[in-house]
Amino acid sequence: MRTAVGDGGRRVSVHLADQDRQALIVALSHQPGPAAADDSVLPELTGLGAVSCGTDTAEDGRRVWAVLDL
């Protein structure tokens, strides 16, 4: 979430979903435009136990997501 907040937007939303004993957590910055690269976030998420994670930028801002086993 620190990465999404760092984009300078006025709000951040967090979305949760579960399926097949896994949780998907997505943080969205709501700050359109190119986002600054943050190479530290994905290794940190993996270190916290994410089985899969990623980040991308779309019209509605940066998305950072992680899948965790429940």
C-alpha atoms as a PDB file:
ATOM      1  CA  MET A   1       0.000   0.000   0.000  1.00  0.00           C
ATOM      2  CA  ARG A   2       2.963   2.322   0.637  1.00  0.00           C
ATOM      3  CA  THR A   3       3.686   2.232  -3.118  1.00  0.00           C
ATOM      4  CA  ALA A   4       0.126   3.245  -4.056  1.00  0.00           C
ATOM      5  CA  VAL A   5       0.139   6.054  -1.470  1.00  0.00           C
ATOM      6  CA  GLY A   6       3.496   7.237  -2.813  1.00  0.00           C
ATOM      7  CA  ASP A   7       1.865   8.073  -6.152  1.00  0.00           C
ATOM      8  CA  GLY A   8       0.467  11.229  -4.551  1.00  0.00           C
ATOM      9  CA  GLY A   9      -3.226  10.587  -5.102  1.00  0.00           C
ATOM     10  CA  ARG A  10      -5.895  11.829  -2.720  1.00  0.00           C
ATOM     11  CA  ARG A  11      -7.186   8.332  -2.007  1.00  0.00           C
ATOM     12  CA  VAL A  12      -6.190   4.681  -2.092  1.00  0.00           C
ATOM     13  CA  SER A  13      -8.606   1.778  -2.279  1.00  0.00           C
ATOM     14  CA  VAL A  14      -7.972  -1.778  -1.172  1.00  0.00           C
ATOM     15  CA  HIS A  15      -9.932  -4.674  -2.657  1.00  0.00           C
ATOM     16  CA  LEU A  16     -10.100  -8.208  -1.266  1.00  0.00           C
ATOM     17  CA  ALA A  17     -11.300 -11.440  -2.860  1.00  0.00           C
ATOM     18  CA  ASP A  18     -10.999 -15.109  -2.024  1.00  0.00           C
ATOM     19  CA  GLN A  19     -11.092 -18.253  -4.140  1.00  0.00           C
ATOM     20  CA  ASP A  20      -9.814 -21.797  -3.694  1.00  0.00           C
ATOM     21  CA  ARG A  21      -8.292 -21.066  -0.257  1.00  0.00           C
ATOM     22  CA  GLN A  22      -6.329 -18.074  -1.555  1.00  0.00           C
ATOM     23  CA  ALA A  23      -6.823 -14.364  -0.954  1.00  0.00           C
ATOM     24  CA  LEU A  24      -6.258 -11.667  -3.563  1.00  0.00           C
ATOM     25  CA  ILE A  25      -5.383  -8.237  -2.183  1.00  0.00           C
ATOM     26  CA  VAL A  26      -5.256  -5.249  -4.563  1.00  0.00           C
ATOM     27  CA  ALA A  27      -4.282  -1.653  -3.691  1.00  0.00           C
ATOM     28  CA  LEU A  28      -5.194   1.021  -6.263  1.00  0.00           C
ATOM     29  CA  SER A  29      -3.703   4.530  -6.154  1.00  0.00           C
ATOM     30  CA  HIS A  30      -6.371   6.369  -8.232  1.00  0.00           C
ATOM     31  CA  GLN A  31      -3.583   8.632  -9.526  1.00  0.00           C
ATOM     32  CA  PRO A  32      -3.609   8.523 -13.348  1.00  0.00           C
ATOM     33  CA  GLY A  33      -0.451   8.922 -15.376  1.00  0.00           C
ATOM     34  CA  PRO A  34       2.906   7.214 -15.288  1.00  0.00           C
ATOM     35  CA  ALA A  35       3.953   5.918 -11.891  1.00  0.00           C
ATOM     36  CA  ALA A  36       7.475   6.034 -10.533  1.00  0.00           C
ATOM     37  CA  ALA A  37       9.219   2.663 -10.519  1.00  0.00           C
ATOM     38  CA  ASP A  38       9.467   0.960  -7.127  1.00  0.00           C
ATOM     39  CA  ASP A  39      11.648  -2.138  -7.333  1.00  0.00           C
ATOM     40  CA  SER A  40      11.366  -2.912  -3.617  1.00  0.00           C
ATOM     41  CA  VAL A  41       7.652  -3.679  -3.357  1.00  0.00           C
ATOM     42  CA  LEU A  42       7.528  -7.083  -5.092  1.00  0.00           C
ATOM     43  CA  PRO A  43      10.396  -8.673  -3.108  1.00  0.00           C
ATOM     44  CA  GLU A  44       8.776  -7.348   0.082  1.00  0.00           C
ATOM     45  CA  LEU A  45       5.436  -8.952  -0.830  1.00  0.00           C
ATOM     46  CA  THR A  46       7.169 -12.244  -1.623  1.00  0.00           C
ATOM     47  CA  GLY A  47       8.976 -12.030   1.706  1.00  0.00           C
ATOM     48  CA  LEU A  48       5.611 -11.685   3.443  1.00  0.00           C
ATOM     49  CA  GLY A  49       4.438 -14.963   1.900  1.00  0.00           C
ATOM     50  CA  ALA A  50       2.767 -13.915  -1.367  1.00  0.00           C
ATOM     51  CA  VAL A  51       2.621 -16.855  -3.761  1.00  0.00           C
ATOM     52  CA  SER A  52       2.137 -14.406  -6.627  1.00  0.00           C
ATOM     53  CA  CYS A  53       2.302 -10.608  -6.862  1.00  0.00           C
ATOM     54  CA  GLY A  54       2.647  -7.805  -9.347  1.00  0.00           C
ATOM     55  CA  THR A  55       2.165  -4.171 -10.162  1.00  0.00           C
ATOM     56  CA  ASP A  56       0.893  -2.333 -13.217  1.00  0.00           C
ATOM     57  CA  THR A  57      -0.390   1.055 -14.248  1.00  0.00           C
ATOM     58  CA  ALA A  58      -3.768   1.684 -15.862  1.00  0.00           C
ATOM     59  CA  GLU A  59      -6.097   4.608 -16.573  1.00  0.00           C
ATOM     60  CA  ASP A  60      -7.288   4.608 -12.976  1.00  0.00           C
ATOM     61  CA  GLY A  61      -3.798   4.530 -11.428  1.00  0.00           C
ATOM     62  CA  ARG A  62      -1.255   2.041 -10.191  1.00  0.00           C
ATOM     63  CA  ARG A  63      -2.403  -1.390  -9.050  1.00  0.00           C
ATOM     64  CA  VAL A  64      -0.335  -3.462  -6.655  1.00  0.00           C
ATOM     65  CA  TRP A  65      -1.627  -6.982  -6.043  1.00  0.00           C
ATOM     66  CA  ALA A  66      -0.692 -10.090  -4.102  1.00  0.00           C
ATOM     67  CA  VAL A  67      -2.142 -13.610  -3.808  1.00  0.00           C
ATOM     68  CA  LEU A  68      -1.751 -15.321  -0.425  1.00  0.00           C
ATOM     69  CA  ASP A  69      -2.576 -18.859   0.642  1.00  0.00           C
ATOM     70  CA  LEU A  70      -5.176 -19.000   3.414  1.00  0.00           C
END
